[in-house]
C-alpha atoms as a PDB file:
ATOM      1  CA  MET A   1      42.265  35.335-104.536  1.00  0.00           C
ATOM      2  CA  ALA A   2      42.808  36.134-100.990  1.00  0.00           C
ATOM      3  CA  GLY A   3      41.159  33.947 -98.333  1.00  0.00           C
ATOM      4  CA  PRO A   4      38.255  35.135 -96.224  1.00  0.00           C
ATOM      5  CA  VAL A   5      39.150  37.788 -93.809  1.00  0.00           C
ATOM      6  CA  ARG A   6      38.442  36.915 -90.123  1.00  0.00           C
ATOM      7  CA  THR A   7      37.452  39.813 -87.992  1.00  0.00           C
ATOM      8  CA  ALA A   8      38.688  40.258 -84.472  1.00  0.00           C
ATOM      9  CA  GLU A   9      35.189  39.913 -83.140  1.00  0.00           C
ATOM     10  CA  ARG A  10      34.805  36.353 -84.491  1.00  0.00           C
ATOM     11  CA  ASP A  11      38.175  35.445 -83.123  1.00  0.00           C
ATOM     12  CA  GLU A  12      37.056  36.592 -79.666  1.00  0.00           C
ATOM     13  CA  GLU A  13      33.900  34.452 -79.908  1.00  0.00           C
ATOM     14  CA  ARG A  14      35.965  31.301 -80.235  1.00  0.00           C
ATOM     15  CA  GLU A  15      36.618  29.354 -77.030  1.00  0.00           C
ATOM     16  CA  PRO A  16      40.204  28.189 -76.387  1.00  0.00           C
ATOM     17  CA  LEU A  17      40.919  24.582 -77.147  1.00  0.00           C
ATOM     18  CA  ASP A  18      41.001  22.153 -74.190  1.00  0.00           C
ATOM     19  CA  THR A  19      44.432  20.670 -74.058  1.00  0.00           C
ATOM     20  CA  GLY A  20      43.473  18.135 -71.333  1.00  0.00           C
ATOM     21  CA  SER A  21      46.392  19.126 -69.117  1.00  0.00           C
ATOM     22  CA  GLY A  22      44.382  20.439 -66.102  1.00  0.00           C
ATOM     23  CA  ALA A  23      40.730  20.717 -67.074  1.00  0.00           C
ATOM     24  CA  PRO A  24      38.292  18.304 -65.236  1.00  0.00           C
ATOM     25  CA  GLY A  25      36.962  15.518 -67.277  1.00  0.00           C
ATOM     26  CA  PRO A  26      33.587  13.897 -67.168  1.00  0.00           C
ATOM     27  CA  PRO A  27      32.521  12.652 -63.685  1.00  0.00           C
ATOM     28  CA  PRO A  28      33.398   9.007 -62.928  1.00  0.00           C
ATOM     29  CA  PRO A  29      30.509   6.607 -62.871  1.00  0.00           C
ATOM     30  CA  THR A  30      28.832   6.274 -59.465  1.00  0.00           C
ATOM     31  CA  ARG A  31      29.457   2.981 -57.620  1.00  0.00           C
ATOM     32  CA  ARG A  32      26.397   1.348 -56.196  1.00  0.00           C
ATOM     33  CA  SER A  33      26.705  -0.259 -52.843  1.00  0.00           C
ATOM     34  CA  ARG A  34      26.189  -3.984 -52.946  1.00  0.00           C
ATOM     35  CA  ARG A  35      23.150  -5.088 -51.064  1.00  0.00           C
ATOM     36  CA  PRO A  36      22.153  -8.583 -50.078  1.00  0.00           C
ATOM     37  CA  GLY A  37      19.885 -10.273 -52.523  1.00  0.00           C
ATOM     38  CA  ARG A  38      16.316 -10.882 -51.892  1.00  0.00           C
ATOM     39  CA  GLY A  39      16.948 -14.558 -51.325  1.00  0.00           C
ATOM     40  CA  LEU A  40      19.389 -13.849 -48.496  1.00  0.00           C
ATOM     41  CA  LEU A  41      16.783 -11.527 -46.846  1.00  0.00           C
ATOM     42  CA  VAL A  42      14.136 -14.181 -47.055  1.00  0.00           C
ATOM     43  CA  ALA A  43      16.470 -16.770 -45.616  1.00  0.00           C
ATOM     44  CA  LEU A  44      17.281 -14.562 -42.636  1.00  0.00           C
ATOM     45  CA  LEU A  45      13.714 -13.777 -42.010  1.00  0.00           C
ATOM     46  CA  VAL A  46      12.758 -17.486 -42.045  1.00  0.00           C
ATOM     47  CA  LEU A  47      15.585 -18.207 -39.582  1.00  0.00           C
ATOM     48  CA  GLY A  48      14.401 -15.495 -37.237  1.00  0.00           C
ATOM     49  CA  VAL A  49      10.847 -16.711 -37.316  1.00  0.00           C
ATOM     50  CA  ALA A  50      12.041 -20.261 -36.702  1.00  0.00           C
ATOM     51  CA  ALA A  51      14.209 -19.257 -33.764  1.00  0.00           C
ATOM     52  CA  GLY A  52      11.378 -17.279 -32.147  1.00  0.00           C
ATOM     53  CA  GLY A  53       9.023 -20.130 -32.696  1.00  0.00           C
ATOM     54  CA  PHE A  54      11.424 -22.541 -31.133  1.00  0.00           C
ATOM     55  CA  GLY A  55      11.871 -20.170 -28.106  1.00  0.00           C
ATOM     56  CA  VAL A  56       8.178 -19.950 -27.538  1.00  0.00           C
ATOM     57  CA  TRP A  57       7.747 -23.719 -27.855  1.00  0.00           C
ATOM     58  CA  ALA A  58      10.638 -24.337 -25.469  1.00  0.00           C
ATOM     59  CA  LEU A  59       9.102 -22.044 -22.825  1.00  0.00           C
ATOM     60  CA  TYR A  60       5.507 -23.099 -23.093  1.00  0.00           C
ATOM     61  CA  GLY A  61       5.174 -26.305 -25.159  1.00  0.00           C
ATOM     62  CA  SER A  62       8.141 -28.446 -24.304  1.00  0.00           C
ATOM     63  CA  GLN A  63       8.667 -30.605 -21.236  1.00  0.00           C
ATOM     64  CA  TRP A  64      12.048 -28.941 -20.397  1.00  0.00           C
ATOM     65  CA  LEU A  65      11.049 -25.852 -18.410  1.00  0.00           C
ATOM     66  CA  ARG A  66       8.164 -26.938 -16.277  1.00  0.00           C
ATOM     67  CA  VAL A  67       7.594 -26.619 -12.548  1.00  0.00           C
ATOM     68  CA  GLU A  68       8.817 -29.784 -10.801  1.00  0.00           C
ATOM     69  CA  LYS A  69       9.471 -28.601  -7.220  1.00  0.00           C
ATOM     70  CA  VAL A  70       8.619 -25.872  -4.729  1.00  0.00           C
ATOM     71  CA  SER A  71      11.027 -24.900  -2.003  1.00  0.00           C
ATOM     72  CA  VAL A  72      10.432 -22.812   1.115  1.00  0.00           C
ATOM     73  CA  ASP A  73      12.917 -20.663   2.974  1.00  0.00           C
ATOM     74  CA  TRP A  74      12.677 -18.097   5.722  1.00  0.00           C
ATOM     75  CA  THR A  75      14.153 -14.602   5.720  1.00  0.00           C
ATOM     76  CA  GLY A  76      14.627 -14.569   9.484  1.00  0.00           C
ATOM     77  CA  GLY A  77      12.593 -14.045  12.662  1.00  0.00           C
ATOM     78  CA  PRO A  78      10.094 -16.635  13.905  1.00  0.00           C
ATOM     79  CA  ARG A  79       9.414 -19.874  12.098  1.00  0.00           C
ATOM     80  CA  GLN A  80       6.045 -21.001  13.322  1.00  0.00           C
ATOM     81  CA  LEU A  81       4.580 -22.007   9.958  1.00  0.00           C
ATOM     82  CA  GLU A  82       5.193 -25.495   8.573  1.00  0.00           C
ATOM     83  CA  ARG A  83       6.831 -25.890   5.148  1.00  0.00           C
ATOM     84  CA  ALA A  84       4.027 -28.205   4.013  1.00  0.00           C
ATOM     85  CA  GLU A  85       1.281 -25.743   4.891  1.00  0.00           C
ATOM     86  CA  ILE A  86       3.094 -22.915   3.053  1.00  0.00           C
ATOM     87  CA  GLN A  87       3.422 -25.100  -0.061  1.00  0.00           C
ATOM     88  CA  GLU A  88      -0.274 -26.056   0.168  1.00  0.00           C
ATOM     89  CA  ALA A  89      -1.369 -22.401   0.523  1.00  0.00           C
ATOM     90  CA  ALA A  90       0.788 -21.334  -2.407  1.00  0.00           C
ATOM     91  CA  ALA A  91      -0.844 -23.982  -4.655  1.00  0.00           C
ATOM     92  CA  VAL A  92       1.963 -23.696  -7.281  1.00  0.00           C
ATOM     93  CA  PRO A  93       0.801 -25.759 -10.299  1.00  0.00           C
ATOM     94  CA  LEU A  94       3.270 -28.549 -10.715  1.00  0.00           C
ATOM     95  CA  GLY A  95       3.915 -29.422 -14.367  1.00  0.00           C
ATOM     96  CA  ALA A  96       2.927 -25.994 -15.622  1.00  0.00           C
ATOM     97  CA  PRO A  97       5.434 -24.020 -17.765  1.00  0.00           C
ATOM     98  CA  MET A  98       7.821 -21.998 -15.665  1.00  0.00           C
ATOM     99  CA  ALA A  99       7.282 -18.923 -17.877  1.00  0.00           C
ATOM    100  CA  ALA A 100       3.528 -18.988 -17.283  1.00  0.00           C
ATOM    101  CA  LEU A 101       3.932 -18.855 -13.464  1.00  0.00           C
ATOM    102  CA  ASP A 102       1.841 -16.047 -11.943  1.00  0.00           C
ATOM    103  CA  LYS A 103       4.087 -14.985  -9.014  1.00  0.00           C
ATOM    104  CA  GLY A 104       1.679 -12.321  -7.803  1.00  0.00           C
ATOM    105  CA  ALA A 105      -1.184 -14.788  -7.518  1.00  0.00           C
ATOM    106  CA  VAL A 106       1.013 -17.332  -5.632  1.00  0.00           C
ATOM    107  CA  ARG A 107       2.077 -14.610  -3.150  1.00  0.00           C
ATOM    108  CA  GLN A 108      -1.556 -13.451  -2.656  1.00  0.00           C
ATOM    109  CA  ARG A 109      -2.760 -16.984  -1.988  1.00  0.00           C
ATOM    110  CA  VAL A 110      -0.175 -17.447   0.774  1.00  0.00           C
ATOM    111  CA  LEU A 111      -0.900 -14.110   2.456  1.00  0.00           C
ATOM    112  CA  GLU A 112      -4.674 -14.593   2.352  1.00  0.00           C
ATOM    113  CA  THR A 113      -4.534 -18.231   3.643  1.00  0.00           C
ATOM    114  CA  LEU A 114      -1.855 -17.728   6.284  1.00  0.00           C
ATOM    115  CA  PRO A 115      -2.275 -14.451   8.307  1.00  0.00           C
ATOM    116  CA  ARG A 116       0.986 -15.241  10.128  1.00  0.00           C
ATOM    117  CA  ALA A 117       2.824 -14.762   6.862  1.00  0.00           C
ATOM    118  CA  GLY A 118       3.811 -11.158   6.703  1.00  0.00           C
ATOM    119  CA  ASP A 119       5.458 -11.215   3.283  1.00  0.00           C
ATOM    120  CA  VAL A 120       6.257 -13.720   0.642  1.00  0.00           C
ATOM    121  CA  GLU A 121       8.720 -13.425  -2.222  1.00  0.00           C
ATOM    122  CA  VAL A 122       8.243 -15.804  -5.160  1.00  0.00           C
ATOM    123  CA  VAL A 123      11.181 -16.490  -7.400  1.00  0.00           C
ATOM    124  CA  ARG A 124      11.737 -18.763 -10.379  1.00  0.00           C
ATOM    125  CA  ALA A 125      14.655 -21.099  -9.887  1.00  0.00           C
ATOM    126  CA  TRP A 126      15.275 -22.170 -13.498  1.00  0.00           C
ATOM    127  CA  PRO A 127      15.002 -24.579 -15.071  1.00  0.00           C
ATOM    128  CA  ASN A 128      12.225 -26.212 -12.938  1.00  0.00           C
ATOM    129  CA  GLY A 129      12.044 -24.892  -9.502  1.00  0.00           C
ATOM    130  CA  VAL A 130      10.028 -22.266  -7.565  1.00  0.00           C
ATOM    131  CA  GLY A 131      11.209 -20.666  -4.391  1.00  0.00           C
ATOM    132  CA  LEU A 132       9.134 -19.113  -1.641  1.00  0.00           C
ATOM    133  CA  LYS A 133      10.966 -16.790   0.754  1.00  0.00           C
ATOM    134  CA  VAL A 134       8.686 -16.233   3.734  1.00  0.00           C
ATOM    135  CA  THR A 135       8.773 -13.505   6.401  1.00  0.00           C
ATOM    136  CA  GLU A 136       6.566 -14.301   9.357  1.00  0.00           C
ATOM    137  CA  ARG A 137       4.941 -11.686  11.482  1.00  0.00           C
ATOM    138  CA  GLU A 138       6.284 -11.256  15.038  1.00  0.00           C
ATOM    139  CA  ALA A 139       4.174 -10.367  18.057  1.00  0.00           C
ATOM    140  CA  GLU A 140       4.859  -7.013  19.601  1.00  0.00           C
ATOM    141  CA  VAL A 141       2.081  -7.339  22.203  1.00  0.00           C
ATOM    142  CA  LEU A 142      -0.466  -9.902  23.309  1.00  0.00           C
ATOM    143  CA  VAL A 143      -4.147  -9.069  23.752  1.00  0.00           C
ATOM    144  CA  PRO A 144      -5.886 -11.289  26.284  1.00  0.00           C
ATOM    145  CA  ASP A 145      -8.868 -13.254  24.806  1.00  0.00           C
ATOM    146  CA  PRO A 146     -11.283 -15.745  26.402  1.00  0.00           C
ATOM    147  CA  GLU A 147      -9.573 -18.490  24.361  1.00  0.00           C
ATOM    148  CA  GLY A 148      -5.968 -17.444  24.938  1.00  0.00           C
ATOM    149  CA  PHE A 149      -3.932 -14.505  23.627  1.00  0.00           C
ATOM    150  CA  ILE A 150      -4.086 -12.678  20.361  1.00  0.00           C
ATOM    151  CA  GLU A 151      -0.738 -11.902  18.804  1.00  0.00           C
ATOM    152  CA  VAL A 152      -0.437  -8.321  17.407  1.00  0.00           C
ATOM    153  CA  ASP A 153       2.551  -7.237  15.247  1.00  0.00           C
ATOM    154  CA  PRO A 154       4.194  -3.776  15.269  1.00  0.00           C
ATOM    155  CA  GLU A 155       1.809  -2.518  12.528  1.00  0.00           C
ATOM    156  CA  GLY A 156      -1.155  -3.380  14.846  1.00  0.00           C
ATOM    157  CA  VAL A 157      -2.187  -6.397  12.776  1.00  0.00           C
ATOM    158  CA  ALA A 158      -3.789  -9.233  14.866  1.00  0.00           C
ATOM    159  CA  PHE A 159      -2.553 -12.345  13.118  1.00  0.00           C
ATOM    160  CA  ALA A 160      -2.876 -15.371  15.457  1.00  0.00           C
ATOM    161  CA  LEU A 161      -4.515 -16.819  18.564  1.00  0.00           C
ATOM    162  CA  VAL A 162      -2.257 -18.762  20.908  1.00  0.00           C
ATOM    163  CA  PRO A 163      -3.294 -20.642  23.979  1.00  0.00           C
ATOM    164  CA  ASP A 164      -0.476 -19.368  26.275  1.00  0.00           C
ATOM    165  CA  ALA A 165       1.271 -16.125  26.852  1.00  0.00           C
ATOM    166  CA  ILE A 166       4.736 -15.691  25.074  1.00  0.00           C
ATOM    167  CA  GLU A 167       7.673 -14.995  27.283  1.00  0.00           C
ATOM    168  CA  GLY A 168       9.082 -11.506  26.711  1.00  0.00           C
ATOM    169  CA  VAL A 169       5.997 -10.152  24.976  1.00  0.00           C
ATOM    170  CA  PRO A 170       3.968  -7.613  27.092  1.00  0.00           C
ATOM    171  CA  LEU A 171       0.245  -7.824  27.590  1.00  0.00           C
ATOM    172  CA  LEU A 172      -1.930  -5.056  26.195  1.00  0.00           C
ATOM    173  CA  GLU A 173      -4.750  -4.326  28.605  1.00  0.00           C
ATOM    174  CA  MET A 174      -7.313  -1.972  27.000  1.00  0.00           C
ATOM    175  CA  GLU A 175      -9.355  -0.368  29.748  1.00  0.00           C
ATOM    176  CA  LEU A 176     -10.794   2.544  27.829  1.00  0.00           C
ATOM    177  CA  ASP A 177     -12.861   5.283  29.475  1.00  0.00           C
ATOM    178  CA  SER A 178     -15.985   6.174  27.576  1.00  0.00           C
ATOM    179  CA  GLY A 179     -15.802   9.777  26.624  1.00  0.00           C
ATOM    180  CA  ALA A 180     -14.743  12.373  24.130  1.00  0.00           C
ATOM    181  CA  GLY A 181     -11.249  10.807  23.705  1.00  0.00           C
ATOM    182  CA  LEU A 182     -12.630   7.469  22.686  1.00  0.00           C
ATOM    183  CA  ARG A 183     -15.036   9.052  20.292  1.00  0.00           C
ATOM    184  CA  ARG A 184     -12.307  11.283  18.793  1.00  0.00           C
ATOM    185  CA  PHE A 185      -9.637   8.587  18.327  1.00  0.00           C
ATOM    186  CA  GLY A 186     -11.538   5.328  18.187  1.00  0.00           C
ATOM    187  CA  GLU A 187     -10.479   2.087  19.829  1.00  0.00           C
ATOM    188  CA  ASP A 188      -8.447   0.827  16.803  1.00  0.00           C
ATOM    189  CA  ARG A 189      -6.309   3.960  16.702  1.00  0.00           C
ATOM    190  CA  ILE A 190      -5.730   3.920  20.406  1.00  0.00           C
ATOM    191  CA  ARG A 191      -4.645   0.284  20.255  1.00  0.00           C
ATOM    192  CA  LEU A 192      -2.301   1.008  17.364  1.00  0.00           C
ATOM    193  CA  GLY A 193      -0.806   3.918  19.287  1.00  0.00           C
ATOM    194  CA  ALA A 194      -0.188   1.754  22.275  1.00  0.00           C
ATOM    195  CA  VAL A 195       1.576  -0.830  20.102  1.00  0.00           C
ATOM    196  CA  GLY A 196       3.754   2.000  18.814  1.00  0.00           C
ATOM    197  CA  VAL A 197       4.677   2.888  22.322  1.00  0.00           C
ATOM    198  CA  VAL A 198       6.059  -0.609  22.954  1.00  0.00           C
ATOM    199  CA  SER A 199       7.964  -0.438  19.673  1.00  0.00           C
ATOM    200  CA  SER A 200       9.619   2.828  20.688  1.00  0.00           C
ATOM    201  CA  LEU A 201      10.775   1.673  24.109  1.00  0.00           C
ATOM    202  CA  PRO A 202      14.544   1.478  24.913  1.00  0.00           C
ATOM    203  CA  ALA A 203      15.618  -2.153  24.609  1.00  0.00           C
ATOM    204  CA  ASP A 204      16.242  -2.699  28.300  1.00  0.00           C
ATOM    205  CA  VAL A 205      12.847  -1.213  29.224  1.00  0.00           C
ATOM    206  CA  ARG A 206      11.119  -3.270  26.518  1.00  0.00           C
ATOM    207  CA  GLU A 207      12.549  -6.460  27.961  1.00  0.00           C
ATOM    208  CA  GLN A 208      11.173  -5.558  31.409  1.00  0.00           C
ATOM    209  CA  THR A 209       7.742  -4.400  30.357  1.00  0.00           C
ATOM    210  CA  GLU A 210       5.060  -6.944  31.366  1.00  0.00           C
ATOM    211  CA  VAL A 211       1.888  -4.999  30.934  1.00  0.00           C
ATOM    212  CA  VAL A 212       0.752  -1.948  28.970  1.00  0.00           C
ATOM    213  CA  ARG A 213      -2.413  -0.458  30.432  1.00  0.00           C
ATOM    214  CA  VAL A 214      -4.359   1.952  28.266  1.00  0.00           C
ATOM    215  CA  ARG A 215      -7.297   4.075  29.545  1.00  0.00           C
ATOM    216  CA  SER A 216      -7.346   6.622  26.819  1.00  0.00           C
ATOM    217  CA  TRP A 217      -5.145   8.140  24.081  1.00  0.00           C
ATOM    218  CA  ASP A 218      -3.396  10.293  26.628  1.00  0.00           C
ATOM    219  CA  ALA A 219      -3.164   7.678  29.366  1.00  0.00           C
ATOM    220  CA  VAL A 220      -0.711   4.865  28.510  1.00  0.00           C
ATOM    221  CA  LEU A 221       0.968   3.207  31.629  1.00  0.00           C
ATOM    222  CA  LEU A 222       3.722   0.639  31.588  1.00  0.00           C
ATOM    223  CA  GLU A 223       4.165  -1.897  34.328  1.00  0.00           C
ATOM    224  CA  LEU A 224       7.677  -3.388  34.610  1.00  0.00           C
ATOM    225  CA  ALA A 225       8.646  -6.844  35.915  1.00  0.00           C
ATOM    226  CA  ASP A 226      10.213  -5.387  39.108  1.00  0.00           C
ATOM    227  CA  GLY A 227       7.123  -3.476  40.108  1.00  0.00           C
ATOM    228  CA  ARG A 228       8.199  -0.092  38.709  1.00  0.00           C
ATOM    229  CA  THR A 229       5.841   1.922  36.497  1.00  0.00           C
ATOM    230  CA  VAL A 230       6.176   4.394  33.681  1.00  0.00           C
ATOM    231  CA  LEU A 231       3.494   6.902  32.908  1.00  0.00           C
ATOM    232  CA  TRP A 232       4.050   7.454  29.182  1.00  0.00           C
ATOM    233  CA  GLY A 233       1.006   9.575  28.373  1.00  0.00           C
ATOM    234  CA  SER A 234       0.028   9.750  24.730  1.00  0.00           C
ATOM    235  CA  PRO A 235       1.816   7.880  21.873  1.00  0.00           C
ATOM    236  CA  ASP A 236       3.014  11.305  20.659  1.00  0.00           C
ATOM    237  CA  GLU A 237       6.802  12.179  20.708  1.00  0.00           C
ATOM    238  CA  PRO A 238       7.959   8.577  21.085  1.00  0.00           C
ATOM    239  CA  GLU A 239      11.694   9.176  20.517  1.00  0.00           C
ATOM    240  CA  ALA A 240      11.811  12.164  22.867  1.00  0.00           C
ATOM    241  CA  LYS A 241      10.011  10.161  25.571  1.00  0.00           C
ATOM    242  CA  ALA A 242      12.366   7.208  25.146  1.00  0.00           C
ATOM    243  CA  THR A 243      15.413   9.424  25.554  1.00  0.00           C
ATOM    244  CA  ALA A 244      13.924  11.144  28.608  1.00  0.00           C
ATOM    245  CA  LEU A 245      13.061   7.810  30.228  1.00  0.00           C
ATOM    246  CA  THR A 246      16.588   6.526  29.718  1.00  0.00           C
ATOM    247  CA  ALA A 247      17.993   9.703  31.267  1.00  0.00           C
ATOM    248  CA  VAL A 248      15.711   9.846  34.344  1.00  0.00           C
ATOM    249  CA  MET A 249      16.177   6.141  35.094  1.00  0.00           C
ATOM    250  CA  LYS A 250      19.931   6.646  35.129  1.00  0.00           C
ATOM    251  CA  ALA A 251      19.649   9.793  37.230  1.00  0.00           C
ATOM    252  CA  VAL A 252      17.270   8.337  39.795  1.00  0.00           C
ATOM    253  CA  PRO A 253      17.876   4.603  39.772  1.00  0.00           C
ATOM    254  CA  GLU A 254      16.086   4.015  43.115  1.00  0.00           C
ATOM    255  CA  ALA A 255      12.833   5.537  41.792  1.00  0.00           C
ATOM    256  CA  ARG A 256       9.757   3.327  41.512  1.00  0.00           C
ATOM    257  CA  HIS A 257       7.581   5.567  39.334  1.00  0.00           C
ATOM    258  CA  PHE A 258       8.559   7.613  36.231  1.00  0.00           C
ATOM    259  CA  ASP A 259       6.570  10.161  34.283  1.00  0.00           C
ATOM    260  CA  VAL A 260       7.578  11.184  30.759  1.00  0.00           C
ATOM    261  CA  THR A 261       4.289  12.589  29.666  1.00  0.00           C
ATOM    262  CA  VAL A 262       6.230  15.798  29.113  1.00  0.00           C
ATOM    263  CA  PRO A 263       9.572  14.645  27.756  1.00  0.00           C
ATOM    264  CA  SER A 264      11.288  17.963  28.373  1.00  0.00           C
ATOM    265  CA  SER A 265      10.510  17.684  32.037  1.00  0.00           C
ATOM    266  CA  PRO A 266      10.560  13.979  33.071  1.00  0.00           C
ATOM    267  CA  ALA A 267       9.818  13.163  36.716  1.00  0.00           C
ATOM    268  CA  ALA A 268      10.606  10.316  39.136  1.00  0.00           C
ATOM    269  CA  GLU A 269       9.169   9.302  42.497  1.00  0.00           C
ATOM    270  CA  SER A 270      10.681   6.884  44.979  1.00  0.00           C
ATOM    271  CA  GLY A 271       7.507   5.993  46.842  1.00  0.00           C
END
């Protein structure tokens, strides 16, 4: 008997055999990245905690990093304050941990206790020192007082009383007229303006100025050592007035009185 007859349709339904020559095979197994074991992670965590704990203990609990000495240095300018009184005012706690030092509190204690101290920088000098860098105030003018002279710095801060006048520092004589000007500006502002006039003077004129007389905001008069005078006017336009004064003094060296109240039109008188 003849075998079963295969129709063309059944032949078409058959898929061709895979010979393995170019067809992709099954995907390779995925490799998992090796991760540290739980034991290693725990060990690292313990080491981190131990290191942190040791650091905290070294900073605050050990005897290694504690304040043992306080040094004082000056940044320049006058040095009227004594090293011992600065250290006493600072009240840095000896034996305390360096890391616990409150630098702001130390600075504030010095400034509040010693008005002559204009600024104080507090620095840690590891492993066991604290440094105080002091800037003292410097007198720009002296205000006469029944007990001596009050030192006033360029910012108008009265910071000390001295028994004798300081050579090279002009006296500030406030002879204010009662009136609208005084009510408008006030004594403190007028005084600060007069101090600003001294700060803005040309160096050679500043050295010769002995007295600054103030009657009002608009009436500031300078008396020089050789008897010459300068009518400055108000504290306004200080740079322009300083430039005008230098120019008119050079132009009329024999003059005895100068007026720079209007800096664009300075004047000079010989008599």
